[in-house]
Amino acid sequence: MLQYEYINKEWIISATARRVYRAGASASLGLFLLLIAIQQRSPLLSPFRPILRLLLLVGVIGYATTLVGMEYFLFRFDNSAAWKQVLWFCIVLIPLIGVALYCFFVYSRSDAVQGSPASQPRDASG
């Protein structure tokens, strides 16, 4: 209906987008586990501070990317029942874990993602 959209449909449901969102969801779960480890204040983590900062950055970028993509997918392309959409919206509000759960359980199994021509692998023959 809208001629000018800020985000193309291929950015949300293509095979590349699916890989990016799954990687971002995995980074988000890793960030969650890393934050739990940091909260324990283990002395074993002290020598690894520069690496931990890099991992935190990767986790935050992955989380932010997945959050934007999954929210857009939820509002535009999710064709499940309304009560399921409301339930998943509430789950997505849980920091770090909700978006990853939505990505793995709803987005990856969605008919819009699985059946789209943009998500099908291309033949090398053309």
N, C-alpha and C. Protein backbone atom coordinates (compact mmCIF):
# COMPACT_ATOMS: atom_id res chain seq x y z
N MET A 1 0.82 -1.18 0.00
CA MET A 1 0.00 0.00 0.00
C MET A 1 0.87 1.25 0.00
N LEU A 2 1.89 1.26 0.82
CA LEU A 2 2.80 2.39 0.83
C LEU A 2 3.83 2.21 -0.27
N GLN A 3 4.01 3.24 -1.06
CA GLN A 3 4.96 3.14 -2.15
C GLN A 3 6.39 3.28 -1.63
N TYR A 4 6.59 4.12 -0.64
CA TYR A 4 7.91 4.37 -0.11
C TYR A 4 8.01 3.80 1.30
N GLU A 5 8.77 2.75 1.43
CA GLU A 5 8.98 2.15 2.74
C GLU A 5 10.44 2.33 3.12
N TYR A 6 10.68 2.52 4.39
CA TYR A 6 12.04 2.72 4.86
C TYR A 6 12.83 1.41 4.91
N ILE A 7 12.14 0.32 5.13
CA ILE A 7 12.79 -0.99 5.21
C ILE A 7 12.18 -1.88 4.15
N ASN A 8 13.01 -2.42 3.27
CA ASN A 8 12.52 -3.32 2.22
C ASN A 8 12.14 -4.66 2.81
N LYS A 9 11.22 -5.34 2.15
CA LYS A 9 10.77 -6.66 2.60
C LYS A 9 11.92 -7.66 2.57
N GLU A 10 12.81 -7.54 1.58
CA GLU A 10 13.94 -8.46 1.47
C GLU A 10 14.90 -8.34 2.64
N TRP A 11 14.95 -7.16 3.26
CA TRP A 11 15.83 -6.96 4.42
C TRP A 11 15.33 -7.76 5.62
N ILE A 12 14.08 -8.14 5.60
CA ILE A 12 13.50 -8.84 6.74
C ILE A 12 13.39 -10.34 6.49
N ILE A 13 13.04 -10.76 5.27
CA ILE A 13 12.74 -12.18 5.07
C ILE A 13 13.68 -12.90 4.11
N SER A 14 14.74 -12.30 3.68
CA SER A 14 15.65 -13.00 2.77
C SER A 14 16.50 -14.00 3.53
N ALA A 15 17.20 -14.86 2.79
CA ALA A 15 18.06 -15.86 3.42
C ALA A 15 19.21 -15.19 4.16
N THR A 16 19.75 -14.14 3.60
CA THR A 16 20.83 -13.41 4.27
C THR A 16 20.33 -12.77 5.56
N ALA A 17 19.15 -12.17 5.50
CA ALA A 17 18.57 -11.56 6.70
C ALA A 17 18.33 -12.61 7.77
N ARG A 18 17.88 -13.78 7.35
CA ARG A 18 17.63 -14.85 8.32
C ARG A 18 18.93 -15.25 9.02
N ARG A 19 20.02 -15.35 8.26
CA ARG A 19 21.32 -15.67 8.88
C ARG A 19 21.78 -14.56 9.81
N VAL A 20 21.60 -13.31 9.40
CA VAL A 20 22.01 -12.18 10.23
C VAL A 20 21.21 -12.15 11.53
N TYR A 21 19.90 -12.35 11.45
CA TYR A 21 19.07 -12.30 12.65
C TYR A 21 19.36 -13.48 13.57
N ARG A 22 19.63 -14.65 13.01
CA ARG A 22 19.98 -15.79 13.86
C ARG A 22 21.33 -15.55 14.55
N ALA A 23 22.28 -14.99 13.83
CA ALA A 23 23.58 -14.67 14.45
C ALA A 23 23.40 -13.60 15.53
N GLY A 24 22.56 -12.61 15.26
CA GLY A 24 22.29 -11.58 16.26
C GLY A 24 21.59 -12.13 17.48
N ALA A 25 20.67 -13.07 17.28
CA ALA A 25 19.98 -13.69 18.40
C ALA A 25 20.95 -14.53 19.23
N SER A 26 21.86 -15.22 18.55
CA SER A 26 22.88 -15.99 19.27
C SER A 26 23.80 -15.06 20.06
N ALA A 27 24.17 -13.94 19.46
CA ALA A 27 25.00 -12.95 20.17
C ALA A 27 24.24 -12.37 21.35
N SER A 28 22.95 -12.20 21.21
CA SER A 28 22.14 -11.69 22.31
C SER A 28 22.12 -12.66 23.48
N LEU A 29 21.97 -13.95 23.18
CA LEU A 29 22.02 -14.95 24.25
C LEU A 29 23.41 -15.01 24.87
N GLY A 30 24.45 -14.89 24.03
CA GLY A 30 25.81 -14.84 24.55
C GLY A 30 26.04 -13.64 25.45
N LEU A 31 25.45 -12.51 25.07
CA LEU A 31 25.55 -11.31 25.90
C LEU A 31 24.88 -11.53 27.24
N PHE A 32 23.75 -12.19 27.23
CA PHE A 32 23.05 -12.50 28.48
C PHE A 32 23.93 -13.34 29.40
N LEU A 33 24.53 -14.38 28.84
CA LEU A 33 25.40 -15.25 29.64
C LEU A 33 26.66 -14.52 30.10
N LEU A 34 27.19 -13.66 29.24
CA LEU A 34 28.37 -12.88 29.60
C LEU A 34 28.06 -11.91 30.74
N LEU A 35 26.91 -11.29 30.70
CA LEU A 35 26.53 -10.39 31.78
C LEU A 35 26.35 -11.13 33.10
N ILE A 36 25.83 -12.35 33.03
CA ILE A 36 25.71 -13.16 34.25
C ILE A 36 27.10 -13.49 34.79
N ALA A 37 28.04 -13.82 33.90
CA ALA A 37 29.40 -14.14 34.34
C ALA A 37 30.08 -12.92 34.95
N ILE A 38 29.84 -11.75 34.37
CA ILE A 38 30.44 -10.53 34.90
C ILE A 38 29.85 -10.19 36.26
N GLN A 39 28.56 -10.46 36.45
CA GLN A 39 27.92 -10.19 37.73
C GLN A 39 28.52 -11.04 38.86
N GLN A 40 29.07 -12.18 38.52
CA GLN A 40 29.67 -13.06 39.53
C GLN A 40 31.00 -12.51 40.04
N ARG A 41 31.58 -11.55 39.32
CA ARG A 41 32.83 -10.88 39.68
C ARG A 41 33.95 -11.88 39.95
N SER A 42 34.09 -12.79 39.04
CA SER A 42 35.12 -13.80 39.16
C SER A 42 36.50 -13.18 38.91
N PRO A 43 37.49 -13.49 39.74
CA PRO A 43 38.83 -12.96 39.49
C PRO A 43 39.48 -13.55 38.23
N LEU A 44 38.92 -14.64 37.73
CA LEU A 44 39.46 -15.23 36.51
C LEU A 44 39.18 -14.38 35.28
N LEU A 45 38.19 -13.49 35.36
CA LEU A 45 37.83 -12.65 34.21
C LEU A 45 38.71 -11.42 34.07
N SER A 46 39.47 -11.07 35.10
CA SER A 46 40.27 -9.84 35.09
C SER A 46 41.24 -9.75 33.91
N PRO A 47 41.99 -10.79 33.59
CA PRO A 47 42.93 -10.65 32.47
C PRO A 47 42.26 -10.54 31.10
N PHE A 48 40.99 -10.87 31.03
CA PHE A 48 40.29 -10.89 29.75
C PHE A 48 39.41 -9.66 29.54
N ARG A 49 39.65 -8.59 30.24
CA ARG A 49 38.79 -7.40 30.12
C ARG A 49 38.70 -6.84 28.70
N PRO A 50 39.79 -6.70 27.95
CA PRO A 50 39.65 -6.18 26.57
C PRO A 50 38.80 -7.09 25.69
N ILE A 51 38.95 -8.39 25.86
CA ILE A 51 38.15 -9.33 25.08
C ILE A 51 36.69 -9.26 25.50
N LEU A 52 36.46 -9.11 26.79
CA LEU A 52 35.09 -9.01 27.29
C LEU A 52 34.39 -7.76 26.76
N ARG A 53 35.14 -6.67 26.67
CA ARG A 53 34.54 -5.44 26.12
C ARG A 53 34.16 -5.63 24.66
N LEU A 54 35.00 -6.31 23.90
CA LEU A 54 34.68 -6.58 22.50
C LEU A 54 33.46 -7.50 22.39
N LEU A 55 33.41 -8.51 23.23
CA LEU A 55 32.24 -9.41 23.23
C LEU A 55 30.97 -8.68 23.64
N LEU A 56 31.08 -7.76 24.58
CA LEU A 56 29.92 -6.95 24.96
C LEU A 56 29.43 -6.11 23.79
N LEU A 57 30.37 -5.51 23.05
CA LEU A 57 30.00 -4.71 21.89
C LEU A 57 29.30 -5.56 20.83
N VAL A 58 29.86 -6.73 20.54
CA VAL A 58 29.24 -7.63 19.56
C VAL A 58 27.84 -8.04 20.02
N GLY A 59 27.70 -8.34 21.29
CA GLY A 59 26.39 -8.74 21.81
C GLY A 59 25.36 -7.63 21.73
N VAL A 60 25.78 -6.41 22.04
CA VAL A 60 24.85 -5.27 21.98
C VAL A 60 24.43 -4.98 20.55
N ILE A 61 25.38 -5.03 19.62
CA ILE A 61 25.04 -4.80 18.21
C ILE A 61 24.12 -5.90 17.69
N GLY A 62 24.42 -7.14 18.05
CA GLY A 62 23.55 -8.26 17.64
C GLY A 62 22.15 -8.13 18.21
N TYR A 63 22.07 -7.75 19.48
CA TYR A 63 20.77 -7.57 20.12
C TYR A 63 19.97 -6.46 19.45
N ALA A 64 20.62 -5.33 19.20
CA ALA A 64 19.92 -4.19 18.59
C ALA A 64 19.44 -4.54 17.18
N THR A 65 20.27 -5.20 16.41
CA THR A 65 19.88 -5.58 15.05
C THR A 65 18.70 -6.54 15.07
N THR A 66 18.77 -7.53 15.92
CA THR A 66 17.70 -8.51 16.01
C THR A 66 16.41 -7.89 16.55
N LEU A 67 16.55 -6.98 17.51
CA LEU A 67 15.36 -6.32 18.06
C LEU A 67 14.61 -5.54 16.99
N VAL A 68 15.32 -4.76 16.20
CA VAL A 68 14.67 -3.97 15.14
C VAL A 68 14.02 -4.89 14.11
N GLY A 69 14.76 -5.90 13.66
CA GLY A 69 14.22 -6.81 12.65
C GLY A 69 13.02 -7.60 13.13
N MET A 70 13.09 -8.10 14.35
CA MET A 70 11.99 -8.92 14.86
C MET A 70 10.75 -8.09 15.18
N GLU A 71 10.93 -6.89 15.68
CA GLU A 71 9.77 -6.02 15.91
C GLU A 71 9.11 -5.66 14.57
N TYR A 72 9.91 -5.35 13.58
CA TYR A 72 9.34 -5.03 12.26
C TYR A 72 8.62 -6.25 11.69
N PHE A 73 9.23 -7.43 11.82
CA PHE A 73 8.58 -8.64 11.33
C PHE A 73 7.28 -8.90 12.09
N LEU A 74 7.29 -8.72 13.39
CA LEU A 74 6.10 -8.95 14.21
C LEU A 74 4.94 -8.06 13.77
N PHE A 75 5.23 -6.80 13.50
CA PHE A 75 4.16 -5.87 13.15
C PHE A 75 3.75 -5.94 11.68
N ARG A 76 4.64 -6.35 10.79
CA ARG A 76 4.32 -6.33 9.37
C ARG A 76 4.01 -7.68 8.75
N PHE A 77 4.76 -8.73 9.11
CA PHE A 77 4.70 -9.97 8.35
C PHE A 77 4.23 -11.18 9.14
N ASP A 78 4.12 -11.09 10.44
CA ASP A 78 3.67 -12.24 11.23
C ASP A 78 2.18 -12.45 10.99
N ASN A 79 1.84 -13.65 10.49
CA ASN A 79 0.44 -13.92 10.16
C ASN A 79 -0.20 -14.91 11.14
N SER A 80 0.35 -15.00 12.34
CA SER A 80 -0.25 -15.88 13.34
C SER A 80 -1.45 -15.19 13.99
N ALA A 81 -2.11 -15.90 14.87
CA ALA A 81 -3.31 -15.37 15.53
C ALA A 81 -2.95 -14.13 16.37
N ALA A 82 -3.93 -13.28 16.56
CA ALA A 82 -3.70 -12.01 17.27
C ALA A 82 -3.23 -12.25 18.70
N TRP A 83 -3.80 -13.24 19.38
CA TRP A 83 -3.39 -13.49 20.76
C TRP A 83 -1.94 -13.97 20.83
N LYS A 84 -1.49 -14.72 19.81
CA LYS A 84 -0.09 -15.14 19.78
C LYS A 84 0.83 -13.94 19.55
N GLN A 85 0.40 -13.02 18.69
CA GLN A 85 1.21 -11.83 18.45
C GLN A 85 1.34 -11.00 19.71
N VAL A 86 0.25 -10.87 20.46
CA VAL A 86 0.29 -10.11 21.72
C VAL A 86 1.19 -10.82 22.72
N LEU A 87 1.07 -12.13 22.82
CA LEU A 87 1.91 -12.90 23.73
C LEU A 87 3.39 -12.74 23.38
N TRP A 88 3.72 -12.87 22.10
CA TRP A 88 5.11 -12.73 21.69
C TRP A 88 5.61 -11.30 21.84
N PHE A 89 4.74 -10.33 21.67
CA PHE A 89 5.16 -8.95 21.90
C PHE A 89 5.57 -8.77 23.36
N CYS A 90 4.81 -9.35 24.27
CA CYS A 90 5.16 -9.26 25.70
C CYS A 90 6.46 -10.00 25.98
N ILE A 91 6.67 -11.13 25.33
CA ILE A 91 7.91 -11.89 25.53
C ILE A 91 9.11 -11.12 24.97
N VAL A 92 8.92 -10.45 23.84
CA VAL A 92 10.02 -9.68 23.23
C VAL A 92 10.46 -8.55 24.16
N LEU A 93 9.59 -8.09 25.02
CA LEU A 93 9.96 -7.02 25.95
C LEU A 93 10.94 -7.48 27.03
N ILE A 94 11.11 -8.79 27.20
CA ILE A 94 12.10 -9.29 28.17
C ILE A 94 13.49 -9.02 27.59
N PRO A 95 14.31 -8.28 28.30
CA PRO A 95 15.62 -7.89 27.75
C PRO A 95 16.50 -9.09 27.40
N LEU A 96 17.12 -9.02 26.24
CA LEU A 96 18.11 -9.95 25.72
C LEU A 96 17.57 -11.33 25.35
N ILE A 97 16.70 -11.89 26.13
CA ILE A 97 16.23 -13.25 25.86
C ILE A 97 14.99 -13.26 24.97
N GLY A 98 14.09 -12.32 25.16
CA GLY A 98 12.82 -12.32 24.44
C GLY A 98 12.97 -12.25 22.93
N VAL A 99 13.85 -11.39 22.48
CA VAL A 99 14.05 -11.24 21.03
C VAL A 99 14.65 -12.51 20.44
N ALA A 100 15.60 -13.10 21.15
CA ALA A 100 16.22 -14.34 20.66
C ALA A 100 15.20 -15.47 20.59
N LEU A 101 14.34 -15.57 21.61
CA LEU A 101 13.31 -16.61 21.59
C LEU A 101 12.36 -16.41 20.41
N TYR A 102 11.95 -15.17 20.18
CA TYR A 102 11.05 -14.89 19.06
C TYR A 102 11.72 -15.24 17.74
N CYS A 103 12.99 -14.90 17.61
CA CYS A 103 13.72 -15.18 16.38
C CYS A 103 13.79 -16.69 16.11
N PHE A 104 14.14 -17.45 17.13
CA PHE A 104 14.31 -18.89 16.93
C PHE A 104 12.99 -19.65 16.82
N PHE A 105 11.97 -19.24 17.57
CA PHE A 105 10.73 -20.03 17.60
C PHE A 105 9.66 -19.55 16.64
N VAL A 106 9.63 -18.27 16.31
CA VAL A 106 8.56 -17.77 15.44
C VAL A 106 9.11 -17.36 14.08
N TYR A 107 10.08 -16.47 14.06
CA TYR A 107 10.61 -15.94 12.80
C TYR A 107 11.19 -17.05 11.93
N SER A 108 12.03 -17.91 12.49
CA SER A 108 12.68 -18.95 11.70
C SER A 108 11.71 -19.98 11.15
N ARG A 109 10.59 -20.16 11.81
CA ARG A 109 9.60 -21.15 11.38
C ARG A 109 8.42 -20.55 10.62
N SER A 110 8.44 -19.27 10.39
CA SER A 110 7.32 -18.58 9.76
C SER A 110 7.18 -18.96 8.28
N ASP A 111 5.93 -19.01 7.83
CA ASP A 111 5.67 -19.27 6.41
C ASP A 111 6.18 -18.15 5.53
N ALA A 112 6.14 -16.93 6.02
CA ALA A 112 6.61 -15.78 5.24
C ALA A 112 8.10 -15.89 4.96
N VAL A 113 8.85 -16.40 5.91
CA VAL A 113 10.30 -16.53 5.73
C VAL A 113 10.63 -17.79 4.95
N GLN A 114 9.99 -18.89 5.26
CA GLN A 114 10.29 -20.16 4.61
C GLN A 114 9.85 -20.19 3.15
N GLY A 115 8.71 -19.58 2.84
CA GLY A 115 8.16 -19.67 1.50
C GLY A 115 8.48 -18.52 0.58
N SER A 116 9.23 -17.54 1.05
CA SER A 116 9.49 -16.37 0.21
C SER A 116 10.52 -16.69 -0.85
N PRO A 117 10.35 -16.15 -2.05
CA PRO A 117 11.35 -16.38 -3.11
C PRO A 117 12.70 -15.79 -2.74
N ALA A 118 12.69 -14.74 -1.91
CA ALA A 118 13.95 -14.12 -1.53
C ALA A 118 14.75 -15.01 -0.58
N SER A 119 14.09 -15.93 0.11
CA SER A 119 14.79 -16.79 1.06
C SER A 119 15.28 -18.08 0.44
N GLN A 120 14.90 -18.34 -0.80
CA GLN A 120 15.34 -19.55 -1.47
C GLN A 120 16.76 -19.37 -2.00
N PRO A 121 17.62 -20.40 -1.88
CA PRO A 121 18.97 -20.26 -2.44
C PRO A 121 18.93 -20.15 -3.96
N ARG A 122 19.82 -19.35 -4.49
CA ARG A 122 19.86 -19.14 -5.93
C ARG A 122 20.71 -20.20 -6.60
N ASP A 123 20.32 -20.57 -7.82
CA ASP A 123 21.12 -21.53 -8.60
C ASP A 123 22.32 -20.80 -9.19
N ALA A 124 23.40 -21.52 -9.33
CA ALA A 124 24.60 -20.93 -9.94
C ALA A 124 24.43 -20.78 -11.44
N SER A 125 23.47 -21.53 -12.01
CA SER A 125 23.27 -21.46 -13.46
C SER A 125 22.54 -20.22 -13.91
N GLY A 126 21.92 -19.51 -12.96
CA GLY A 126 21.32 -18.27 -13.37
C GLY A 126 19.89 -18.23 -13.14
